N, C-alpha and C. Protein backbone atom coordinates (compact mmCIF):
# COMPACT_ATOMS: atom_id res chain seq x y z
N UNK A 1 0.68 -1.62 -0.53
CA UNK A 1 0.05 0.11 -0.19
C UNK A 1 1.05 1.22 0.07
N UNK A 2 1.77 1.31 0.59
CA UNK A 2 2.63 2.85 0.98
C UNK A 2 3.28 2.45 -0.40
N UNK A 3 3.97 1.78 -1.34
CA UNK A 3 4.79 1.10 -2.56
C UNK A 3 3.48 2.20 -3.41
N UNK A 4 2.37 1.89 -3.78
CA UNK A 4 0.87 2.52 -4.61
C UNK A 4 1.08 3.67 -4.05
N UNK A 5 0.64 4.21 -2.49
CA UNK A 5 0.55 5.49 -2.17
C UNK A 5 1.67 6.82 -2.79
N UNK A 6 3.05 6.09 -3.07
CA UNK A 6 4.33 7.10 -3.14
C UNK A 6 3.92 6.80 -4.75
N UNK A 7 3.90 6.00 -5.71
CA UNK A 7 3.54 5.95 -6.91
C UNK A 7 2.35 7.07 -7.39
N UNK A 8 1.84 7.17 -6.91
CA UNK A 8 0.44 8.39 -6.93
C UNK A 8 0.74 9.91 -6.46
N UNK A 9 2.20 10.29 -6.08
CA UNK A 9 2.35 11.21 -6.06
C UNK A 9 3.97 11.33 -6.16
N UNK A 10 3.79 12.35 -7.79
CA UNK A 10 4.39 12.39 -8.65
C UNK A 10 5.77 13.01 -7.62
N UNK A 11 7.15 12.99 -8.78
CA UNK A 11 8.24 13.91 -8.65
C UNK A 11 7.98 15.17 -8.73
N UNK A 12 8.48 16.11 -7.62
CA UNK A 12 8.01 17.71 -7.64
C UNK A 12 8.90 18.17 -7.65
N UNK A 13 9.25 19.81 -8.64
CA UNK A 13 10.18 20.87 -8.02
C UNK A 13 9.89 21.43 -7.08
N UNK A 14 10.20 21.62 -6.52
CA UNK A 14 10.41 22.68 -5.56
C UNK A 14 10.30 24.24 -5.35
N UNK A 15 11.87 24.08 -6.11
CA UNK A 15 12.23 25.29 -6.43
C UNK A 15 13.31 25.02 -7.83
N UNK A 16 14.02 26.45 -8.09
CA UNK A 16 15.33 25.35 -8.83
C UNK A 16 16.21 24.77 -8.27
N UNK A 17 16.72 24.09 -8.10
CA UNK A 17 17.78 22.91 -8.29
C UNK A 17 17.24 22.24 -6.95
N UNK A 18 15.89 22.36 -6.50
CA UNK A 18 15.39 21.64 -5.61
C UNK A 18 14.09 20.60 -5.56
N UNK A 19 14.05 19.16 -5.36
CA UNK A 19 13.52 18.24 -5.68
C UNK A 19 12.99 17.48 -4.86
N UNK A 20 11.66 17.25 -4.64
CA UNK A 20 10.58 16.30 -3.79
C UNK A 20 10.62 14.76 -4.64
N UNK A 21 10.96 14.02 -3.70
CA UNK A 21 11.12 12.39 -4.19
C UNK A 21 10.44 11.33 -3.75
N UNK A 22 8.85 11.50 -3.83
CA UNK A 22 8.13 10.69 -2.81
C UNK A 22 8.61 9.44 -3.02
N UNK A 23 8.72 8.63 -1.53
CA UNK A 23 8.74 7.48 -1.59
C UNK A 23 9.95 6.60 -2.13
N UNK A 24 10.54 7.81 -2.54
CA UNK A 24 12.33 7.80 -2.99
C UNK A 24 12.87 6.09 -2.15
N UNK A 25 13.13 6.43 -0.57
CA UNK A 25 13.20 5.55 -0.23
C UNK A 25 12.75 4.54 0.64
N UNK A 26 11.49 4.59 0.39
CA UNK A 26 10.87 2.97 1.10
C UNK A 26 11.54 1.89 0.50
N UNK A 27 11.56 1.49 -0.63
CA UNK A 27 12.21 -0.12 -0.78
C UNK A 27 13.09 -0.09 -0.17
N UNK A 28 14.08 0.52 0.71
CA UNK A 28 15.47 0.48 1.48
C UNK A 28 14.92 0.87 3.08
N UNK A 29 13.83 1.45 3.31
CA UNK A 29 13.36 1.87 4.47
C UNK A 29 14.23 0.67 6.43
N UNK A 30 13.89 -0.66 5.86
CA UNK A 30 14.19 -1.34 6.41
C UNK A 30 15.98 -2.02 6.63
N UNK A 31 16.21 -1.42 5.63
CA UNK A 31 17.68 -1.59 5.90
C UNK A 31 18.56 -0.02 6.57
N UNK A 32 17.66 0.81 5.80
CA UNK A 32 17.99 2.02 6.48
C UNK A 32 17.85 2.09 8.24
N UNK A 33 16.62 1.69 8.65
CA UNK A 33 16.22 1.20 10.03
C UNK A 33 17.24 1.28 10.74
N UNK A 34 17.65 -0.18 10.27
CA UNK A 34 19.01 -1.19 10.57
C UNK A 34 20.46 -0.13 10.67
N UNK A 35 20.32 0.34 9.80
CA UNK A 35 21.76 1.11 10.27
C UNK A 35 21.64 2.32 11.13
N UNK A 36 20.80 2.92 11.48
CA UNK A 36 20.35 4.17 12.13
C UNK A 36 20.05 3.55 13.56
N UNK A 37 19.64 1.88 13.63
CA UNK A 37 19.95 1.50 15.19
C UNK A 37 21.73 1.03 15.72
N UNK A 38 22.17 0.95 14.28
CA UNK A 38 23.72 0.46 14.01
C UNK A 38 24.82 1.83 14.95
N UNK A 39 24.40 3.05 14.15
CA UNK A 39 24.63 4.56 14.46
C UNK A 39 25.01 4.41 15.98
N UNK A 40 23.22 4.49 15.98
CA UNK A 40 23.07 5.27 17.99
C UNK A 40 23.79 4.43 19.06
N UNK A 41 23.58 2.64 18.34
CA UNK A 41 24.42 1.72 19.54
C UNK A 41 25.46 2.29 19.65
N UNK A 42 26.48 2.71 19.27
CA UNK A 42 28.08 3.77 19.21
C UNK A 42 27.70 5.07 19.37
N UNK A 43 27.19 5.72 18.83
CA UNK A 43 27.37 6.76 19.32
C UNK A 43 24.97 7.43 19.52
N UNK A 44 25.20 7.04 20.97
CA UNK A 44 23.56 7.57 21.30
C UNK A 44 23.20 8.85 21.22
N UNK A 45 21.83 8.75 20.78
CA UNK A 45 20.94 9.97 20.45
C UNK A 45 21.25 10.83 21.74
N UNK A 46 21.13 12.25 21.63
CA UNK A 46 21.00 13.00 22.38
C UNK A 46 20.37 15.02 22.20
N UNK A 47 19.98 15.24 23.02
CA UNK A 47 19.21 16.76 23.00
C UNK A 47 20.42 17.71 23.26
N UNK A 48 20.62 18.01 21.99
CA UNK A 48 22.08 19.39 22.07
C UNK A 48 21.63 20.35 22.93
N UNK A 49 22.30 20.76 23.93
CA UNK A 49 22.21 22.43 24.40
C UNK A 49 22.61 23.90 24.05
N UNK A 50 21.77 24.52 23.44
CA UNK A 50 21.75 25.84 22.29
C UNK A 50 22.28 26.85 23.43
N UNK A 51 22.71 28.01 22.60
CA UNK A 51 22.16 29.29 23.73
C UNK A 51 20.59 29.34 24.08
N UNK A 52 20.27 28.91 23.11
CA UNK A 52 18.74 29.26 22.30
C UNK A 52 17.99 28.34 23.57
N UNK A 53 18.53 27.46 24.26
CA UNK A 53 17.86 26.40 24.95
C UNK A 53 17.92 24.46 24.56
N UNK A 54 17.21 23.67 25.20
CA UNK A 54 17.58 22.72 24.88
C UNK A 54 17.32 22.24 23.42
N UNK A 55 17.75 21.64 22.62
CA UNK A 55 16.93 21.42 20.58
C UNK A 55 15.89 20.41 21.44
N UNK A 56 14.86 20.87 20.64
CA UNK A 56 13.81 19.68 21.00
C UNK A 56 13.89 18.18 19.55
N UNK A 57 14.61 18.32 18.88
CA UNK A 57 14.86 16.84 18.50
C UNK A 57 16.18 16.47 18.71
N UNK A 58 15.75 14.97 18.90
CA UNK A 58 17.38 14.26 19.23
C UNK A 58 18.08 14.03 18.19
N UNK A 59 19.42 14.12 18.54
CA UNK A 59 20.31 13.86 17.31
C UNK A 59 21.48 13.15 17.72
N UNK A 60 22.07 12.23 16.24
CA UNK A 60 23.69 11.80 16.85
C UNK A 60 23.82 12.17 15.11
N UNK A 61 24.81 11.60 14.77
CA UNK A 61 25.94 11.79 13.56
C UNK A 61 26.58 10.30 13.08
N UNK A 62 26.92 10.59 11.81
CA UNK A 62 27.98 9.60 11.68
C UNK A 62 29.07 9.60 10.30
N UNK A 63 29.88 9.22 9.73
CA UNK A 63 30.46 9.70 8.70
C UNK A 63 32.13 10.11 9.10
N UNK A 64 32.76 11.34 8.15
CA UNK A 64 33.86 11.47 8.78
C UNK A 64 34.33 12.86 10.02
N UNK A 65 32.89 13.31 9.89
CA UNK A 65 32.57 14.06 11.00
C UNK A 65 31.19 14.57 11.31
N UNK A 66 30.88 14.69 12.10
CA UNK A 66 29.26 14.99 12.89
C UNK A 66 29.23 16.26 13.79
N UNK A 67 27.59 16.67 13.45
CA UNK A 67 27.54 17.97 13.47
C UNK A 67 27.27 18.00 14.91
N UNK A 68 27.73 19.02 15.86
CA UNK A 68 27.45 19.37 17.23
C UNK A 68 27.25 20.73 17.50
N UNK A 69 26.71 20.94 18.34
CA UNK A 69 26.14 22.22 19.26
C UNK A 69 26.55 21.96 20.51
N UNK A 70 26.47 23.51 21.38
CA UNK A 70 26.48 24.17 22.48
C UNK A 70 26.02 25.72 22.46
N UNK A 71 26.32 25.73 23.38
CA UNK A 71 26.08 27.36 23.67
C UNK A 71 27.10 28.40 23.16
N UNK A 72 27.69 27.89 22.34
CA UNK A 72 28.88 28.91 22.24
C UNK A 72 29.17 28.52 20.48
N UNK A 73 28.24 27.82 20.32
CA UNK A 73 27.44 27.71 18.77
C UNK A 73 26.96 26.38 18.17
N UNK A 74 27.07 26.30 17.10
CA UNK A 74 27.46 25.24 16.38
C UNK A 74 28.37 24.35 15.01
N UNK A 75 28.91 23.63 15.34
CA UNK A 75 30.36 23.06 13.93
C UNK A 75 29.99 21.45 13.70
N UNK A 76 30.68 21.63 13.21
CA UNK A 76 31.56 19.70 12.64
C UNK A 76 32.44 19.53 13.60
N UNK A 77 32.97 18.18 13.54
CA UNK A 77 33.74 17.92 14.32
C UNK A 77 34.12 16.43 14.03
N UNK A 78 35.43 15.77 14.27
CA UNK A 78 35.70 14.27 13.78
C UNK A 78 35.29 13.92 14.84
N UNK A 79 35.53 14.08 15.79
CA UNK A 79 35.00 13.03 16.89
C UNK A 79 33.81 13.71 18.39
N UNK A 80 33.05 12.58 18.73
CA UNK A 80 31.70 12.88 19.64
C UNK A 80 32.31 13.47 20.62
N UNK A 81 31.30 14.59 20.83
CA UNK A 81 31.95 15.20 22.34
C UNK A 81 31.40 14.70 23.15
N UNK A 82 30.51 13.97 23.28
CA UNK A 82 30.11 12.55 24.32
C UNK A 82 30.46 12.02 24.55
N UNK A 83 31.30 11.23 23.60
CA UNK A 83 32.24 10.04 23.81
C UNK A 83 33.67 10.13 23.92
N UNK A 84 34.10 11.12 23.32
CA UNK A 84 35.52 11.60 22.62
C UNK A 84 35.71 10.17 21.91
N UNK A 85 35.28 9.97 21.37
CA UNK A 85 35.51 8.28 20.32
C UNK A 85 35.43 9.37 18.80
N UNK A 86 35.79 8.68 17.55
CA UNK A 86 35.09 8.97 16.49
C UNK A 86 34.14 8.55 16.05
N UNK A 87 32.83 9.45 15.14
CA UNK A 87 31.79 9.23 14.88
C UNK A 87 31.74 8.17 13.89
N UNK A 88 31.08 6.90 14.24
CA UNK A 88 31.04 5.92 13.08
C UNK A 88 30.77 5.89 11.81
N UNK A 89 31.22 5.09 10.96
CA UNK A 89 31.62 5.33 9.52
C UNK A 89 30.50 5.07 9.15
N UNK A 90 30.03 5.89 8.07
CA UNK A 90 28.84 5.73 7.75
C UNK A 90 28.26 4.86 6.60
N UNK A 91 27.73 3.95 7.01
CA UNK A 91 26.58 2.49 6.59
C UNK A 91 27.37 2.95 5.12
N UNK A 92 27.31 2.05 4.59
CA UNK A 92 26.89 1.59 2.62
C UNK A 92 25.81 1.93 2.59
N UNK A 93 24.68 1.54 2.99
CA UNK A 93 23.22 1.49 2.08
C UNK A 93 22.73 3.37 2.63
N UNK A 94 23.70 3.89 3.93
CA UNK A 94 23.26 5.37 3.99
C UNK A 94 23.71 5.96 3.02
N UNK A 95 25.22 6.05 2.77
CA UNK A 95 25.79 6.57 1.65
C UNK A 95 25.29 6.65 -0.18
N UNK A 96 24.81 4.64 -0.14
CA UNK A 96 24.39 4.58 -1.23
C UNK A 96 23.32 5.80 -1.79
N UNK A 97 22.13 5.13 -0.69
CA UNK A 97 21.12 5.98 -0.72
C UNK A 97 21.28 7.31 -1.07
N UNK A 98 22.02 8.39 -0.45
CA UNK A 98 21.85 9.72 -0.54
C UNK A 98 22.53 9.85 -1.89
N UNK A 99 23.61 9.20 -2.83
CA UNK A 99 24.00 9.39 -3.95
C UNK A 99 23.41 9.07 -4.97
N UNK A 100 22.47 8.15 -4.62
CA UNK A 100 21.16 8.01 -5.74
C UNK A 100 20.55 8.61 -5.72
N UNK A 101 19.62 8.92 -4.53
CA UNK A 101 19.21 10.43 -4.52
C UNK A 101 19.75 12.00 -5.44
N UNK A 102 20.67 11.84 -5.10
CA UNK A 102 21.47 13.36 -5.46
C UNK A 102 21.19 12.98 -6.99
N UNK A 103 21.61 11.98 -7.24
CA UNK A 103 21.78 11.92 -9.21
C UNK A 103 20.13 11.86 -9.54
N UNK A 104 19.09 11.21 -9.26
CA UNK A 104 17.93 11.52 -9.18
C UNK A 104 17.81 12.88 -9.78
N UNK A 105 18.19 13.45 -8.63
CA UNK A 105 17.65 14.89 -8.79
C UNK A 105 18.92 16.18 -9.32
N UNK A 106 19.38 15.26 -10.57
CA UNK A 106 20.14 15.94 -11.03
C UNK A 106 21.65 16.15 -10.55
N UNK A 107 22.03 15.65 -9.15
CA UNK A 107 23.64 16.00 -9.00
C UNK A 107 24.31 14.81 -8.98
N UNK A 108 24.81 14.41 -10.00
CA UNK A 108 25.33 13.22 -10.31
C UNK A 108 27.10 13.08 -9.13
N UNK A 109 27.51 14.01 -8.58
CA UNK A 109 28.85 13.79 -8.25
C UNK A 109 28.61 13.95 -6.37
N UNK A 110 27.54 13.92 -6.30
CA UNK A 110 27.18 14.16 -4.79
C UNK A 110 28.52 13.35 -4.03
N UNK A 111 29.00 13.48 -2.77
CA UNK A 111 29.67 12.55 -1.90
C UNK A 111 29.61 13.21 -0.62
N UNK A 112 28.94 12.00 -0.04
CA UNK A 112 28.56 12.78 1.66
C UNK A 112 30.04 12.62 2.67
N UNK A 113 30.06 14.02 3.00
CA UNK A 113 31.38 13.54 4.08
C UNK A 113 30.04 13.24 5.70
N UNK A 114 29.38 13.38 6.22
CA UNK A 114 28.37 13.23 6.89
C UNK A 114 27.25 12.77 7.11
N UNK A 115 26.16 11.99 7.73
CA UNK A 115 25.09 12.11 8.21
C UNK A 115 24.44 12.46 9.58
N UNK A 116 23.52 13.96 9.26
CA UNK A 116 23.20 13.97 10.83
C UNK A 116 21.81 13.15 11.25
N UNK A 117 21.72 12.35 11.91
CA UNK A 117 20.09 11.70 12.07
C UNK A 117 19.32 12.48 13.14
N UNK A 118 18.46 12.57 12.71
CA UNK A 118 17.77 13.42 14.00
C UNK A 118 16.44 12.24 14.33
N UNK A 119 15.97 12.40 15.65
CA UNK A 119 14.66 11.42 15.89
C UNK A 119 14.12 12.84 16.56
N UNK A 120 12.63 12.84 16.08
CA UNK A 120 11.46 13.41 16.53
C UNK A 120 10.69 13.03 16.96
N UNK A 121 10.29 13.60 18.71
CA UNK A 121 8.89 12.81 19.09
C UNK A 121 7.95 13.16 19.18
N UNK A 122 7.04 13.21 19.49
CA UNK A 122 5.55 14.24 18.97
C UNK A 122 6.33 15.70 19.45
N UNK A 123 5.22 16.40 19.21
CA UNK A 123 5.86 18.10 20.10
C UNK A 123 7.72 18.11 18.66
N UNK A 124 8.23 17.89 18.39
CA UNK A 124 9.30 17.82 18.48
C UNK A 124 9.64 18.78 17.36
N UNK A 125 10.28 19.58 17.08
CA UNK A 125 10.40 20.11 15.36
C UNK A 125 11.43 20.60 15.41
N UNK A 126 11.84 21.60 13.83
CA UNK A 126 12.77 22.13 14.12
C UNK A 126 12.68 23.41 12.95
N UNK A 127 12.76 24.56 13.87
CA UNK A 127 12.92 26.21 13.43
C UNK A 127 13.97 26.33 11.64
N UNK A 128 12.94 26.92 11.64
CA UNK A 128 13.47 27.57 9.83
C UNK A 128 15.09 28.55 10.02
N UNK A 129 15.63 27.42 9.05
CA UNK A 129 17.15 27.96 9.20
C UNK A 129 17.34 27.44 8.21
N UNK A 130 18.86 28.34 7.54
CA UNK A 130 20.06 27.52 6.74
C UNK A 130 21.11 26.76 6.79
N UNK A 131 21.17 25.78 5.91
CA UNK A 131 22.43 24.97 5.97
C UNK A 131 23.49 25.54 5.59
N UNK A 132 24.33 26.35 6.49
CA UNK A 132 25.61 27.53 6.01
C UNK A 132 26.66 27.05 6.14
N UNK A 133 27.08 25.60 7.41
CA UNK A 133 28.03 25.51 8.01
C UNK A 133 28.95 24.72 7.46
N UNK A 134 28.93 24.15 6.42
CA UNK A 134 29.22 23.36 5.57
C UNK A 134 30.49 23.78 4.71
N UNK A 135 30.19 25.60 4.28
CA UNK A 135 31.10 25.61 3.36
C UNK A 135 31.31 25.46 1.81
N UNK A 136 30.61 24.12 1.82
CA UNK A 136 30.83 23.21 -0.03
C UNK A 136 29.27 24.04 -0.40
N UNK A 137 29.57 25.03 -1.25
CA UNK A 137 27.72 25.45 -1.63
C UNK A 137 27.61 24.79 -2.97
N UNK A 138 28.81 24.33 -3.99
CA UNK A 138 28.84 23.34 -5.02
C UNK A 138 27.92 22.26 -4.68
N UNK A 139 27.89 21.68 -3.11
CA UNK A 139 26.99 19.94 -3.38
C UNK A 139 26.01 20.42 -2.93
N UNK A 140 25.00 19.24 -2.75
CA UNK A 140 23.64 19.48 -2.32
C UNK A 140 23.12 19.09 -0.87
N UNK A 141 22.38 19.44 -0.25
CA UNK A 141 21.60 18.46 0.95
C UNK A 141 20.77 18.07 0.26
N UNK A 142 21.16 16.40 1.09
CA UNK A 142 20.18 15.03 0.67
C UNK A 142 19.44 15.08 1.95
N UNK A 143 17.86 15.13 2.02
CA UNK A 143 16.93 15.07 3.30
C UNK A 143 16.13 13.70 3.58
N UNK A 144 16.37 12.80 4.21
CA UNK A 144 15.44 11.61 4.39
C UNK A 144 14.59 11.34 5.11
N UNK A 145 13.44 11.26 5.12
CA UNK A 145 12.29 11.32 5.86
C UNK A 145 11.74 9.93 6.40
N UNK A 146 12.11 9.19 7.46
CA UNK A 146 11.24 7.51 7.85
C UNK A 146 10.40 7.97 8.57
N UNK A 147 9.65 7.17 9.08
CA UNK A 147 8.01 7.23 10.46
C UNK A 147 7.32 8.28 10.01
N UNK A 148 7.10 8.35 11.05
CA UNK A 148 5.89 9.27 11.26
C UNK A 148 5.87 10.23 9.86
N UNK A 149 4.48 11.38 9.73
CA UNK A 149 4.35 12.04 8.36
C UNK A 149 5.05 13.10 9.60
N UNK A 150 5.41 14.54 8.81
CA UNK A 150 6.48 15.85 8.57
C UNK A 150 5.66 16.70 8.22
N UNK A 151 5.42 18.36 8.54
CA UNK A 151 5.01 19.30 7.65
C UNK A 151 6.53 19.77 7.39
N UNK A 152 6.94 19.66 6.22
CA UNK A 152 8.23 20.64 6.39
C UNK A 152 8.10 22.04 4.83
N UNK A 153 8.42 22.89 5.35
CA UNK A 153 8.48 24.34 5.07
C UNK A 153 9.73 24.61 4.15
N UNK A 154 9.44 25.04 2.87
CA UNK A 154 10.31 25.22 2.12
C UNK A 154 10.22 26.65 1.53
N UNK A 155 11.27 27.74 1.94
CA UNK A 155 10.64 28.76 1.18
C UNK A 155 12.63 29.27 0.26
N UNK A 156 12.54 30.45 0.15
CA UNK A 156 13.80 31.07 -0.72
C UNK A 156 14.80 31.51 0.11
N UNK A 157 15.68 32.17 -0.23
CA UNK A 157 16.58 32.82 0.02
C UNK A 157 16.93 33.71 1.38
N UNK A 158 15.75 34.52 1.43
CA UNK A 158 15.51 35.68 2.41
C UNK A 158 14.39 34.72 3.31
N UNK A 159 14.24 34.80 5.10
CA UNK A 159 13.31 34.20 5.92
C UNK A 159 12.24 34.47 5.45
N UNK A 160 11.63 35.84 5.10
CA UNK A 160 10.76 36.49 4.50
C UNK A 160 9.70 35.87 3.01
N UNK A 161 10.61 35.25 2.43
CA UNK A 161 10.19 34.57 1.73
C UNK A 161 9.38 34.08 1.36
N UNK A 162 8.19 33.42 0.61
CA UNK A 162 7.18 32.84 0.80
C UNK A 162 7.80 31.33 0.81
N UNK A 163 7.12 30.23 1.86
CA UNK A 163 7.14 29.67 2.02
C UNK A 163 6.27 28.27 1.39
N UNK A 164 6.69 27.11 1.14
CA UNK A 164 6.23 26.12 0.40
C UNK A 164 5.57 24.54 1.33
N UNK A 165 4.71 24.31 2.10
CA UNK A 165 4.49 23.39 3.11
C UNK A 165 3.96 22.53 2.41
N UNK A 166 4.99 20.56 2.76
CA UNK A 166 4.44 19.73 1.84
C UNK A 166 4.19 18.42 2.97
N UNK A 167 4.13 17.84 3.27
CA UNK A 167 3.78 16.76 3.82
C UNK A 167 4.89 15.47 3.93
N UNK A 168 5.69 15.47 4.39
CA UNK A 168 6.60 14.47 4.05
C UNK A 168 6.13 13.06 4.58
N UNK A 169 6.08 12.10 3.65
CA UNK A 169 5.52 11.10 4.47
C UNK A 169 6.90 9.77 4.70
N UNK A 170 7.06 8.59 4.83
CA UNK A 170 8.10 7.61 5.53
C UNK A 170 8.35 6.89 3.63
N UNK A 171 9.96 7.29 3.83
CA UNK A 171 10.38 7.58 2.75
C UNK A 171 11.05 8.36 1.76
N UNK A 172 9.85 9.67 2.04
CA UNK A 172 10.43 10.77 1.51
C UNK A 172 11.49 11.46 1.43
N UNK A 173 11.75 11.72 0.14
CA UNK A 173 13.75 12.00 -0.45
C UNK A 173 13.28 13.63 -0.63
N UNK A 174 13.90 15.02 0.08
CA UNK A 174 13.96 16.21 -0.85
C UNK A 174 15.84 15.83 -0.90
N UNK A 175 15.63 17.33 -1.87
CA UNK A 175 17.30 17.44 -2.48
C UNK A 175 17.45 19.05 -2.74
N UNK A 176 18.10 19.59 -2.36
CA UNK A 176 18.50 20.76 -2.97
C UNK A 176 19.58 21.21 -2.72
N UNK A 177 19.47 22.05 -3.93
CA UNK A 177 21.40 22.97 -3.88
C UNK A 177 20.89 23.59 -5.46
N UNK A 178 22.13 24.25 -6.32
CA UNK A 178 22.33 25.09 -6.81
C UNK A 178 21.57 26.79 -6.45
N UNK A 179 20.97 26.93 -7.06
CA UNK A 179 19.94 28.24 -7.22
C UNK A 179 19.36 28.07 -5.69
N UNK A 180 19.24 26.45 -4.90
CA UNK A 180 17.93 26.87 -3.70
C UNK A 180 19.09 26.43 -2.79
N UNK A 181 20.84 25.92 -2.76
CA UNK A 181 21.44 25.43 -1.44
C UNK A 181 21.00 26.14 -0.21
N UNK A 182 20.92 27.45 -0.60
CA UNK A 182 20.54 28.13 0.94
C UNK A 182 19.66 28.77 1.10
N UNK A 183 18.53 27.93 0.61
CA UNK A 183 17.19 28.23 1.16
C UNK A 183 16.85 27.91 2.54
N UNK A 184 15.78 28.85 3.05
CA UNK A 184 15.24 28.75 4.58
C UNK A 184 14.41 27.23 4.36
N UNK A 185 14.61 26.72 5.74
CA UNK A 185 13.87 25.71 5.33
C UNK A 185 13.66 25.08 6.98
N UNK A 186 12.17 24.06 7.12
CA UNK A 186 12.47 23.81 9.10
C UNK A 186 11.27 22.82 8.74
N UNK A 187 10.74 22.38 10.16
CA UNK A 187 10.09 21.23 10.23
C UNK A 187 8.93 21.71 11.16
N UNK A 188 7.62 21.66 11.04
CA UNK A 188 6.61 21.71 12.20
C UNK A 188 6.58 20.64 13.18
N UNK A 189 6.06 21.32 14.20
CA UNK A 189 6.25 19.96 15.26
C UNK A 189 5.19 18.68 15.00
N UNK A 190 5.98 17.54 14.64
CA UNK A 190 5.67 16.29 14.38
C UNK A 190 4.41 16.03 15.62
N UNK A 191 2.84 15.93 15.18
CA UNK A 191 2.13 15.43 15.21
C UNK A 191 1.84 14.19 16.31
N UNK A 192 0.81 13.83 16.85
CA UNK A 192 1.01 12.54 17.48
C UNK A 192 0.29 11.53 16.80
N UNK A 193 0.99 10.66 16.03
CA UNK A 193 0.22 9.52 15.21
C UNK A 193 1.10 8.05 15.21
N UNK A 194 0.70 7.34 14.42
CA UNK A 194 1.99 5.58 14.93
C UNK A 194 2.16 5.41 13.40
N UNK A 195 3.27 4.71 13.36
CA UNK A 195 4.27 4.68 12.44
C UNK A 195 4.39 2.35 12.91
N UNK A 196 4.17 1.73 11.83
CA UNK A 196 4.66 0.28 12.51
C UNK A 196 5.52 0.05 12.57
N UNK A 197 7.05 1.24 12.04
CA UNK A 197 8.20 0.53 12.12
C UNK A 197 8.75 1.51 12.94
N UNK A 198 8.32 2.68 13.69
CA UNK A 198 8.68 4.11 14.41
C UNK A 198 7.80 3.96 15.44
N UNK A 199 6.45 3.17 15.64
CA UNK A 199 6.10 3.86 16.57
C UNK A 199 5.39 5.64 16.46
N UNK A 200 5.76 6.49 17.38
CA UNK A 200 4.98 7.59 17.67
C UNK A 200 6.68 8.61 16.88
N UNK A 201 7.40 8.19 16.44
CA UNK A 201 8.53 8.90 15.68
C UNK A 201 8.91 9.09 14.49
N UNK A 202 9.51 10.17 14.31
CA UNK A 202 10.26 10.51 12.94
C UNK A 202 11.80 10.67 12.91
N UNK A 203 12.04 9.59 12.14
CA UNK A 203 13.50 9.63 11.73
C UNK A 203 14.14 11.20 10.69
N UNK A 204 14.92 11.95 10.55
CA UNK A 204 15.01 11.88 9.35
C UNK A 204 16.71 12.36 8.87
N UNK A 205 17.19 11.69 8.34
CA UNK A 205 18.62 11.69 7.37
C UNK A 205 18.58 12.49 6.61
N UNK A 206 19.74 13.55 7.22
CA UNK A 206 20.84 14.93 6.38
C UNK A 206 21.94 14.14 6.14
N UNK A 207 22.32 14.27 4.95
CA UNK A 207 23.45 14.31 4.13
C UNK A 207 24.06 15.36 3.68
N UNK A 208 25.53 16.01 4.14
CA UNK A 208 25.89 16.33 3.44
C UNK A 208 27.41 16.01 2.97
N UNK A 209 27.96 17.13 2.02
CA UNK A 209 29.41 17.17 1.83
C UNK A 209 29.52 18.57 2.40
N UNK A 210 31.11 18.41 3.03
CA UNK A 210 31.37 19.53 4.26
C UNK A 210 32.73 19.78 3.81
N UNK A 211 33.57 21.28 3.48
CA UNK A 211 34.36 21.66 3.83
C UNK A 211 35.79 20.76 4.89
N UNK A 212 36.82 20.53 4.57
CA UNK A 212 37.53 19.12 5.38
C UNK A 212 37.99 20.02 6.17
N UNK A 213 38.15 21.36 5.94
CA UNK A 213 39.43 22.11 6.64
C UNK A 213 38.36 22.35 7.86
N UNK A 214 37.08 22.10 7.99
CA UNK A 214 36.01 22.50 9.25
C UNK A 214 36.25 21.56 9.96
N UNK A 215 36.89 20.43 9.82
CA UNK A 215 36.51 19.20 10.67
C UNK A 215 37.66 19.55 11.84
N UNK A 216 36.88 19.59 13.13
CA UNK A 216 37.57 19.82 13.80
C UNK A 216 37.84 18.87 15.15
N UNK A 217 38.36 18.59 16.09
CA UNK A 217 38.68 18.01 16.61
C UNK A 217 37.75 17.31 17.74
């Protein structure tokens, strides 16, 4: 039924350089969930605390570097500040999916250095923001949704630009780069609902290529 529903929702261009691929990751969902479990067993999910307070989504990372935050700011690091150890290698299933999705959206040479894994419980969300910390504007961002639905806002290069709001379902992928690389985007608080694989949770995998000079210890 999920596969049929995905086929009824066509590939959609959200803006120049930004593509929504409904159900693209569904055939690999079970493998992706196993990879998430594998990563989080080594580097557990945690709620980063920033100068604005505690983030509502729980996070972990894998790859050559991971995303971290604290009251001093946001950054990429080679090691997990919670364990002091390198982030786990990115599982092949995650890397291959990200590359295929990027190619499907027109970005053939994408090679992600990092995968940020967000876990959203009911009520958790992500405010409007731009992905600017990577300093690698020639590469797109690849975002994969798993589990319960989420309302995703995608705007322009100015925070005040009109936003398009789409309902991301299990297995949906959004890729943005080129003219949309610095588009403002966010996730509304997750509604209370149920998914047979994830219960009340939504997982998001965000893949990025990153300027290696930014990797810190």
